Amino acid sequence: MKRILSIFTIVLFMFSCDNLKTKNVETFYFNLYNSKNSNIKNNAYVLISTKLKAYDSINVFVNNKSVFNFNQKEFDSKGIYRYFLGKKKLTHSLDTLAIKIKEGSYYMPFSNKEVILINTKTYIGKERQYKVFHYSEMSNSETSFDSYYLEGTGFICYYNFNTDRYILCDSTNIKSLKIKEVTNQLINDTTFFARYTVAKLFPKYYRKPNNKISL
């Protein structure tokens, strides 16, 4: 009887640990869309964020293979921080301050050399509000794009005006987050989404034909 109770206790403990691990892991699925808002690649990127005590450990996957990882601290009163060689650095400010990032490695569109806040917007959902931050990011001296971060969640969208394509978080394992409530509003917002705002600045912009499934 004691042996049965011991085995039951161990199984219960293991189940509790697995359940705790699941609660601490958030998964975000990003699809790639073209200029006609057609999904041209499912799960172009998958982000798996493991919540640790001091920061979130984030892994980026392409075709089930880990291609990039970084440690990030969620929004506070100043913005988003990332860790480079154990040191915390502000990378996405809540002020319109250009931040140059010399540390670490770069992987477009998740980690870049320069970031500046453009503006913010709050969307209304059925049960909550969503505050979104719009950034312009530079991957090199000639290539820039627009990124969008959801307060309390992180990266949700990337838009490339040169190709008129974007990657968008369409689903997560977070039951409390109705991600499409915010992303559907975002990509149709003519006053906030870069597809529309940049087009107003460059109405005669010429795009070279791009038949490849890429960003």
Protein backbone atom coordinates (compact mmCIF):
# COMPACT_ATOMS: atom_id res chain seq x y z
CA MET A 1 0.00 0.00 0.00
CA LYS A 2 2.82 2.36 0.92
CA ARG A 3 4.52 1.57 -2.39
CA ILE A 4 1.33 2.41 -4.33
CA LEU A 5 1.00 5.71 -2.45
CA SER A 6 4.65 6.53 -3.19
CA ILE A 7 4.22 5.85 -6.90
CA PHE A 8 1.01 7.94 -6.96
CA THR A 9 2.83 10.82 -5.22
CA ILE A 10 5.70 10.72 -7.74
CA VAL A 11 3.30 10.68 -10.70
CA LEU A 12 1.31 13.57 -9.23
CA PHE A 13 4.52 15.53 -8.66
CA MET A 14 5.71 14.91 -12.23
CA PHE A 15 2.34 15.98 -13.62
CA SER A 16 2.46 19.17 -11.55
CA CYS A 17 5.96 19.97 -12.83
CA ASP A 18 4.94 19.40 -16.45
CA ASN A 19 1.87 21.58 -15.96
CA LEU A 20 4.02 24.33 -14.43
CA LYS A 21 6.44 24.15 -17.37
CA THR A 22 3.54 24.45 -19.82
CA LYS A 23 2.26 27.56 -18.03
CA ASN A 24 5.70 29.14 -18.25
CA VAL A 25 6.06 28.56 -22.00
CA GLU A 26 4.30 30.80 -24.54
CA THR A 27 4.27 29.95 -28.25
CA PHE A 28 3.59 32.43 -31.06
CA TYR A 29 2.93 31.36 -34.67
CA PHE A 30 3.69 33.82 -37.49
CA ASN A 31 2.41 33.52 -41.05
CA LEU A 32 3.79 35.38 -44.07
CA TYR A 33 1.40 37.52 -46.14
CA ASN A 34 1.78 39.22 -49.51
CA SER A 35 0.49 42.54 -50.89
CA LYS A 36 -2.98 41.02 -51.40
CA ASN A 37 -3.18 39.87 -47.77
CA SER A 38 -2.92 36.27 -48.95
CA ASN A 39 -1.17 33.83 -46.64
CA ILE A 40 1.77 32.56 -48.67
CA LYS A 41 3.55 30.63 -45.91
CA ASN A 42 2.14 29.09 -42.75
CA ASN A 43 4.35 29.20 -39.67
CA ALA A 44 7.08 31.15 -41.40
CA TYR A 45 8.41 31.70 -37.89
CA VAL A 46 7.54 30.21 -34.53
CA LEU A 47 8.60 31.98 -31.34
CA ILE A 48 8.79 30.02 -28.11
CA SER A 49 9.15 32.18 -25.02
CA THR A 50 10.09 30.55 -21.70
CA LYS A 51 9.36 32.77 -18.71
CA LEU A 52 12.23 32.76 -16.25
CA LYS A 53 12.64 34.77 -13.04
CA ALA A 54 14.58 37.73 -14.46
CA TYR A 55 13.67 37.59 -18.16
CA ASP A 56 12.05 35.61 -20.97
CA SER A 57 14.23 33.22 -22.94
CA ILE A 58 13.06 33.42 -26.56
CA ASN A 59 13.83 30.94 -29.34
CA VAL A 60 13.01 31.56 -33.01
CA PHE A 61 12.23 28.49 -35.12
CA VAL A 62 12.07 28.06 -38.91
CA ASN A 63 10.94 24.66 -40.23
CA ASN A 64 11.16 23.23 -36.70
CA LYS A 65 14.79 24.29 -36.44
CA SER A 66 16.08 26.84 -33.92
CA VAL A 67 17.72 29.68 -35.87
CA PHE A 68 18.07 32.45 -33.29
CA ASN A 69 17.64 33.02 -29.57
CA PHE A 70 17.80 35.93 -27.15
CA ASN A 71 16.81 36.91 -23.63
CA GLN A 72 14.29 39.70 -23.21
CA LYS A 73 12.61 41.53 -20.34
CA GLU A 74 9.02 42.62 -20.91
CA PHE A 75 7.87 46.22 -21.09
CA ASP A 76 8.39 48.42 -18.06
CA SER A 77 8.06 52.21 -17.79
CA LYS A 78 10.98 52.69 -20.23
CA GLY A 79 10.49 49.93 -22.79
CA ILE A 80 11.88 46.52 -23.75
CA TYR A 81 15.25 45.28 -22.56
CA ARG A 82 17.45 42.53 -23.89
CA TYR A 83 20.47 40.84 -22.37
CA PHE A 84 23.90 40.90 -24.00
CA LEU A 85 26.65 38.95 -22.26
CA GLY A 86 24.61 39.03 -19.08
CA LYS A 87 24.05 42.80 -19.17
CA LYS A 88 20.62 44.35 -19.62
CA LYS A 89 20.23 46.98 -22.37
CA LEU A 90 17.21 49.01 -23.46
CA THR A 91 16.52 48.15 -27.12
CA HIS A 92 12.95 49.39 -27.69
CA SER A 93 12.27 52.68 -25.93
CA LEU A 94 8.83 54.09 -25.10
CA ASP A 95 10.22 57.52 -26.02
CA THR A 96 10.97 58.63 -29.57
CA LEU A 97 14.64 57.95 -29.01
CA ALA A 98 16.79 56.20 -31.58
CA ILE A 99 18.71 53.36 -29.97
CA LYS A 100 21.77 51.91 -31.63
CA ILE A 101 22.56 48.33 -30.68
CA LYS A 102 26.20 47.38 -31.03
CA GLU A 103 26.14 44.30 -28.83
CA GLY A 104 25.12 40.77 -29.73
CA SER A 105 24.16 39.28 -33.07
CA TYR A 106 21.48 40.40 -35.52
CA TYR A 107 18.70 38.39 -37.07
CA MET A 108 16.10 40.19 -39.17
CA PRO A 109 13.38 41.00 -38.22
CA PHE A 110 13.83 40.11 -34.55
CA SER A 111 17.14 41.75 -33.71
CA ASN A 112 18.54 44.79 -35.53
CA LYS A 113 21.15 47.53 -35.35
CA GLU A 114 18.91 50.52 -34.70
CA VAL A 115 15.39 50.97 -33.35
CA ILE A 116 13.19 54.06 -32.96
CA LEU A 117 9.62 54.43 -31.74
CA ILE A 118 7.28 55.95 -34.33
CA ASN A 119 3.97 56.04 -32.44
CA THR A 120 1.49 54.03 -30.37
CA LYS A 121 -2.15 53.04 -30.66
CA THR A 122 -4.74 51.45 -28.39
CA TYR A 123 -7.30 49.04 -29.85
CA ILE A 124 -10.53 48.00 -28.15
CA GLY A 125 -11.40 44.30 -27.90
CA LYS A 126 -14.45 42.58 -26.48
CA GLU A 127 -12.93 42.09 -23.03
CA ARG A 128 -9.78 44.23 -22.96
CA GLN A 129 -7.74 46.98 -24.57
CA TYR A 130 -4.55 46.39 -26.55
CA LYS A 131 -1.75 48.93 -26.60
CA VAL A 132 0.50 48.54 -29.64
CA PHE A 133 3.90 50.15 -30.21
CA HIS A 134 5.09 50.91 -33.74
CA TYR A 135 8.86 50.94 -34.33
CA SER A 136 11.12 51.58 -37.30
CA GLU A 137 14.10 49.22 -37.30
CA MET A 138 17.32 49.23 -39.30
CA SER A 139 18.97 45.93 -40.17
CA ASN A 140 21.77 47.78 -42.00
CA SER A 141 22.48 51.25 -43.37
CA GLU A 142 20.15 50.71 -46.35
CA THR A 143 17.41 48.38 -45.11
CA SER A 144 14.65 49.45 -42.74
CA PHE A 145 11.24 48.04 -41.89
CA ASP A 146 8.39 48.50 -39.43
CA SER A 147 7.72 46.34 -36.40
CA TYR A 148 4.82 46.19 -33.97
CA TYR A 149 4.90 45.14 -30.32
CA LEU A 150 1.93 44.41 -28.08
CA GLU A 151 2.27 45.65 -24.52
CA GLY A 152 2.69 42.74 -22.11
CA THR A 153 3.21 40.28 -24.96
CA GLY A 154 5.99 41.44 -27.29
CA PHE A 155 6.57 41.19 -31.05
CA ILE A 156 3.40 40.59 -33.12
CA CYS A 157 4.07 41.96 -36.63
CA TYR A 158 6.73 42.97 -39.15
CA TYR A 159 6.08 44.92 -42.34
CA ASN A 160 8.47 45.48 -45.26
CA PHE A 161 7.45 48.39 -47.50
CA ASN A 162 9.97 47.36 -50.18
CA THR A 163 8.14 44.07 -50.79
CA ASP A 164 4.73 45.01 -49.34
CA ARG A 165 4.81 41.80 -47.32
CA TYR A 166 4.43 41.18 -43.63
CA ILE A 167 4.61 38.46 -41.03
CA LEU A 168 1.81 38.40 -38.50
CA CYS A 169 1.17 36.50 -35.29
CA ASP A 170 -2.05 34.63 -36.07
CA SER A 171 -2.22 32.27 -33.11
CA THR A 172 -0.71 31.56 -29.70
CA ASN A 173 -1.14 29.05 -26.90
CA ILE A 174 -2.18 31.87 -24.53
CA LYS A 175 -5.88 31.26 -23.89
CA SER A 176 -6.41 34.70 -22.34
CA LEU A 177 -5.04 36.47 -25.43
CA LYS A 178 -7.40 36.88 -28.38
CA ILE A 179 -4.58 37.79 -30.75
CA LYS A 180 -6.73 38.32 -33.84
CA GLU A 181 -8.73 40.97 -32.02
CA VAL A 182 -5.71 43.23 -32.24
CA THR A 183 -3.96 42.01 -35.41
CA ASN A 184 -7.09 42.27 -37.58
CA GLN A 185 -7.49 45.88 -36.51
CA LEU A 186 -3.79 46.59 -36.98
CA ILE A 187 -3.40 45.47 -40.59
CA ASN A 188 -6.54 47.36 -41.64
CA ASP A 189 -5.68 50.57 -39.82
CA THR A 190 -4.93 53.17 -42.52
CA THR A 191 -3.66 55.66 -39.92
CA PHE A 192 -1.26 53.29 -38.14
CA PHE A 193 -0.18 50.33 -40.27
CA ALA A 194 2.94 51.23 -42.28
CA ARG A 195 1.56 49.83 -45.55
CA TYR A 196 -0.76 52.84 -45.68
CA THR A 197 1.18 55.53 -43.83
CA VAL A 198 4.41 55.07 -45.80
CA ALA A 199 2.49 54.83 -49.08
CA LYS A 200 1.17 58.33 -48.44
CA LEU A 201 4.75 59.57 -48.16
CA PHE A 202 5.90 57.72 -51.30
CA PRO A 203 2.85 57.48 -53.62
CA LYS A 204 4.98 56.73 -56.70
CA TYR A 205 7.27 54.19 -55.06
CA TYR A 206 8.44 51.51 -57.51
CA ARG A 207 8.81 47.92 -56.32
CA LYS A 208 10.90 45.41 -58.19
CA PRO A 209 9.09 42.15 -58.98
CA ASN A 210 9.73 39.51 -56.31
CA ASN A 211 8.45 35.99 -56.97
CA LYS A 212 10.33 34.41 -54.10
CA ILE A 213 8.56 33.53 -50.87
CA SER A 214 10.59 35.79 -48.62
CA LEU A 215 10.31 38.86 -46.47
